[in-house]
């Protein structure tokens, strides 16, 4: 009798020499206020995490502490370092700072971006319609933002072949990374939740998106964390 051959469905395996990047959006930061501005770092708003953001950071650590993580990257802005801190402590890893993965620079709207968006400013509407941050006066040009982000991810991947790393970054930056990976509309992936995990595999030939906005680890935090005092 002729032996019957079977062909199971393909299971993804990290290609040899590739790097796996777990992209974590920082936890929720403190609210913006009319009566005071956020401190600035290199001209960019630098709010700290609020209590909900710290809880999200703990949930990220719960989710990732058993993964085989070789390094943790953060940006120059404190909300990423604070988000990475619980996981770094559990793994005994000192986070590395990658300045080029900081958030897009919002020009004249640094510190007031949330207010303008909440109030439906015409330029905010234009920004979403065109998928460009640089309709904001003085904001970082789209091409420059894309190139600095591309260079940073390429450099991290080259330094961590056959390894997995955690990169704690920002909503706009993660959106840009995934737009580059998928050749999509620039704003297709800017909706990442605070504390969400996206998964990117980087080879010399291509960037492979495996997961976007994974929030399974956050559901309990959202239902049990009390609202901060007003």
Protein backbone atom coordinates (compact mmCIF):
# COMPACT_ATOMS: atom_id res chain seq x y z
CA UNK A 1 0.00 0.00 0.00
CA UNK A 2 1.31 3.44 -0.89
CA UNK A 3 2.00 5.59 2.16
CA UNK A 4 -0.24 8.65 2.35
CA UNK A 5 1.66 11.88 2.83
CA UNK A 6 0.16 14.66 4.90
CA UNK A 7 0.74 18.39 4.66
CA UNK A 8 -0.04 20.35 7.83
CA UNK A 9 -0.68 24.05 7.71
CA UNK A 10 2.39 26.23 7.82
CA UNK A 11 3.47 27.46 11.24
CA UNK A 12 5.44 30.67 11.36
CA UNK A 13 9.02 30.38 12.57
CA UNK A 14 11.42 33.25 13.00
CA UNK A 15 13.73 33.22 9.96
CA UNK A 16 17.43 32.65 10.69
CA UNK A 17 19.16 35.91 11.45
CA UNK A 18 15.91 37.79 12.06
CA UNK A 19 15.14 39.88 15.14
CA UNK A 20 11.80 39.82 16.94
CA UNK A 21 10.70 43.20 18.26
CA UNK A 22 7.91 43.44 20.81
CA UNK A 23 6.74 47.03 20.43
CA UNK A 24 5.06 48.32 23.58
CA UNK A 25 3.25 51.62 23.69
CA UNK A 26 3.96 53.37 26.98
CA UNK A 27 1.33 53.40 29.69
CA UNK A 28 -1.19 56.18 30.04
CA UNK A 29 0.40 59.49 31.02
CA UNK A 30 -1.01 62.19 33.26
CA UNK A 31 -3.72 64.40 31.76
CA UNK A 32 -2.84 67.66 30.10
CA UNK A 33 -4.07 70.77 31.93
CA UNK A 34 -5.01 74.26 30.87
CA UNK A 35 -3.13 75.86 33.76
CA UNK A 36 0.30 74.26 33.28
CA UNK A 37 2.43 72.69 30.59
CA UNK A 38 4.33 69.43 30.59
CA UNK A 39 8.08 69.68 31.14
CA UNK A 40 10.06 69.53 27.90
CA UNK A 41 12.95 67.28 26.88
CA UNK A 42 14.66 68.42 23.69
CA UNK A 43 11.57 70.46 22.91
CA UNK A 44 9.10 67.62 23.39
CA UNK A 45 6.48 67.20 26.10
CA UNK A 46 7.60 64.78 28.79
CA UNK A 47 4.66 63.86 31.05
CA UNK A 48 5.02 61.09 33.59
CA UNK A 49 2.72 58.10 33.88
CA UNK A 50 -0.46 58.45 35.88
CA UNK A 51 -1.62 55.67 38.25
CA UNK A 52 -3.42 53.82 35.46
CA UNK A 53 -0.26 53.96 33.38
CA UNK A 54 1.79 52.40 36.18
CA UNK A 55 -0.78 49.61 36.47
CA UNK A 56 -0.54 49.03 32.72
CA UNK A 57 3.25 48.82 33.06
CA UNK A 58 2.85 46.07 35.66
CA UNK A 59 0.49 44.20 33.35
CA UNK A 60 3.02 44.43 30.53
CA UNK A 61 5.62 42.92 32.88
CA UNK A 62 3.19 40.13 33.80
CA UNK A 63 2.75 39.35 30.12
CA UNK A 64 6.39 39.43 29.03
CA UNK A 65 8.46 38.34 32.01
CA UNK A 66 8.55 34.70 30.86
CA UNK A 67 9.59 35.53 27.30
CA UNK A 68 13.21 35.06 26.22
CA UNK A 69 14.07 38.76 26.09
CA UNK A 70 17.63 39.83 25.28
CA UNK A 71 17.27 43.61 25.68
CA UNK A 72 14.82 46.38 26.47
CA UNK A 73 14.86 49.70 24.64
CA UNK A 74 13.24 52.97 25.73
CA UNK A 75 13.30 56.53 24.42
CA UNK A 76 14.48 59.77 25.99
CA UNK A 77 10.98 60.50 27.32
CA UNK A 78 10.24 59.36 30.87
CA UNK A 79 6.93 57.66 30.19
CA UNK A 80 8.72 54.92 28.24
CA UNK A 81 11.32 54.34 30.97
CA UNK A 82 8.58 54.19 33.61
CA UNK A 83 6.64 51.68 31.52
CA UNK A 84 9.69 49.49 31.03
CA UNK A 85 10.76 49.63 34.68
CA UNK A 86 8.69 46.72 36.11
CA UNK A 87 9.72 44.33 33.34
CA UNK A 88 13.35 45.43 33.51
CA UNK A 89 13.40 44.83 37.26
CA UNK A 90 11.95 41.34 36.94
CA UNK A 91 14.36 40.34 34.16
CA UNK A 92 17.41 42.07 35.62
CA UNK A 93 17.94 44.03 32.40
CA UNK A 94 19.08 47.66 32.23
CA UNK A 95 17.09 49.40 29.48
CA UNK A 96 18.98 51.00 26.63
CA UNK A 97 18.00 54.45 25.37
CA UNK A 98 17.29 54.84 21.65
CA UNK A 99 16.61 58.55 21.08
CA UNK A 100 15.51 58.06 17.47
CA UNK A 101 12.40 56.16 18.58
CA UNK A 102 11.01 59.14 20.50
CA UNK A 103 7.58 60.45 19.54
CA UNK A 104 7.06 62.58 16.45
CA UNK A 105 7.81 66.23 17.19
CA UNK A 106 4.60 68.25 17.13
CA UNK A 107 6.10 71.70 16.58
CA UNK A 108 3.93 74.52 17.87
CA UNK A 109 1.49 71.99 19.33
CA UNK A 110 3.92 70.42 21.78
CA UNK A 111 2.07 70.51 25.07
CA UNK A 112 -1.24 71.53 23.51
CA UNK A 113 -1.85 68.67 21.06
CA UNK A 114 -4.45 66.91 23.20
CA UNK A 115 -6.38 70.13 23.71
CA UNK A 116 -6.50 70.93 19.99
CA UNK A 117 -7.59 67.41 19.07
CA UNK A 118 -10.26 67.31 21.79
CA UNK A 119 -11.65 70.64 20.61
CA UNK A 120 -11.72 69.59 16.96
CA UNK A 121 -9.22 72.16 15.70
CA UNK A 122 -9.38 72.43 11.88
CA UNK A 123 -5.68 71.56 11.58
CA UNK A 124 -6.26 68.43 13.66
CA UNK A 125 -9.00 67.41 11.28
CA UNK A 126 -6.69 68.10 8.33
CA UNK A 127 -3.95 66.03 10.00
CA UNK A 128 -6.17 62.95 10.19
CA UNK A 129 -7.61 63.45 6.71
CA UNK A 130 -4.18 63.74 5.10
CA UNK A 131 -2.39 61.30 7.42
CA UNK A 132 0.41 63.77 8.09
CA UNK A 133 1.71 65.17 11.35
CA UNK A 134 3.52 67.96 9.55
CA UNK A 135 0.36 69.91 8.74
CA UNK A 136 0.86 71.15 12.31
CA UNK A 137 2.98 74.33 12.21
CA UNK A 138 6.62 73.50 12.88
CA UNK A 139 6.03 69.75 13.21
CA UNK A 140 8.61 67.20 12.15
CA UNK A 141 8.52 66.58 8.37
CA UNK A 142 6.95 63.26 7.43
CA UNK A 143 9.98 62.04 5.49
CA UNK A 144 12.42 62.87 8.26
CA UNK A 145 10.26 61.11 10.86
CA UNK A 146 9.98 57.98 8.72
CA UNK A 147 13.70 57.84 8.02
CA UNK A 148 14.81 58.25 11.63
CA UNK A 149 12.38 55.54 12.72
CA UNK A 150 13.50 53.21 9.91
CA UNK A 151 17.15 53.70 10.81
CA UNK A 152 16.52 53.02 14.50
CA UNK A 153 14.62 49.78 13.88
CA UNK A 154 17.20 48.61 11.35
CA UNK A 155 19.97 49.25 13.86
CA UNK A 156 18.24 47.43 16.70
CA UNK A 157 17.47 44.47 14.47
CA UNK A 158 21.09 44.25 13.27
CA UNK A 159 22.29 44.21 16.88
CA UNK A 160 19.91 41.42 17.89
CA UNK A 161 19.88 38.78 15.18
CA UNK A 162 18.16 35.58 16.36
CA UNK A 163 16.98 37.38 19.50
CA UNK A 164 13.81 38.96 20.85
CA UNK A 165 13.82 42.46 22.30
CA UNK A 166 11.24 44.76 23.86
CA UNK A 167 10.97 48.30 22.50
CA UNK A 168 8.89 50.70 24.61
CA UNK A 169 7.95 53.63 22.43
CA UNK A 170 5.07 55.94 21.49
CA UNK A 171 1.79 55.74 19.61
CA UNK A 172 2.86 57.84 16.65
CA UNK A 173 6.22 56.11 16.41
CA UNK A 174 4.78 52.60 16.57
CA UNK A 175 2.25 53.63 13.94
CA UNK A 176 5.08 54.80 11.69
CA UNK A 177 7.06 51.58 12.22
CA UNK A 178 4.10 49.43 11.22
CA UNK A 179 3.22 51.65 8.27
CA UNK A 180 6.77 51.11 7.02
CA UNK A 181 6.47 47.36 7.59
CA UNK A 182 3.21 47.06 5.65
CA UNK A 183 3.59 49.87 3.11
CA UNK A 184 0.24 51.15 4.34
CA UNK A 185 -1.34 54.55 4.79
CA UNK A 186 0.76 56.58 7.26
CA UNK A 187 -1.97 56.69 9.94
CA UNK A 188 -3.26 53.13 9.49
CA UNK A 189 -1.69 51.96 12.77
CA UNK A 190 -1.70 55.02 15.03
CA UNK A 191 -4.55 53.68 17.17
CA UNK A 192 -2.41 51.58 19.51
CA UNK A 193 -3.69 51.52 23.10
CA UNK A 194 -1.53 52.46 26.06
CA UNK A 195 0.32 49.35 27.22
CA UNK A 196 -0.55 47.40 24.06
CA UNK A 197 1.97 45.08 22.42
CA UNK A 198 2.66 44.84 18.69
CA UNK A 199 4.99 42.20 17.23
CA UNK A 200 7.41 42.80 14.38
CA UNK A 201 9.93 40.38 12.87
CA UNK A 202 12.76 42.13 11.02
CA UNK A 203 14.92 40.38 8.42
CA UNK A 204 17.42 41.86 5.99
CA UNK A 205 14.83 41.58 3.22
CA UNK A 206 11.59 42.61 4.89
CA UNK A 207 9.70 43.57 8.04
CA UNK A 208 6.95 41.13 8.99
CA UNK A 209 4.01 42.30 11.10
CA UNK A 210 2.85 39.43 13.33
CA UNK A 211 0.58 41.21 15.80
CA UNK A 212 -0.94 44.66 16.35
CA UNK A 213 -2.39 46.22 19.51
CA UNK A 214 -2.51 43.10 21.67
CA UNK A 215 -4.27 44.15 24.90
CA UNK A 216 -5.23 40.77 26.39
CA UNK A 217 -3.01 41.45 29.41
CA UNK A 218 -4.76 44.76 30.11
CA UNK A 219 -8.38 43.68 30.43
CA UNK A 220 -8.18 42.90 34.15
CA UNK A 221 -6.38 46.18 34.83
CA UNK A 222 -9.16 48.13 33.12
CA UNK A 223 -11.86 46.48 35.21
CA UNK A 224 -10.19 46.52 38.61
CA UNK A 225 -8.17 49.73 38.70
CA UNK A 226 -10.13 52.54 40.43
CA UNK A 227 -10.46 55.85 38.68
CA UNK A 228 -7.80 58.34 39.83
CA UNK A 229 -9.11 61.18 41.99
CA UNK A 230 -10.22 64.29 40.16
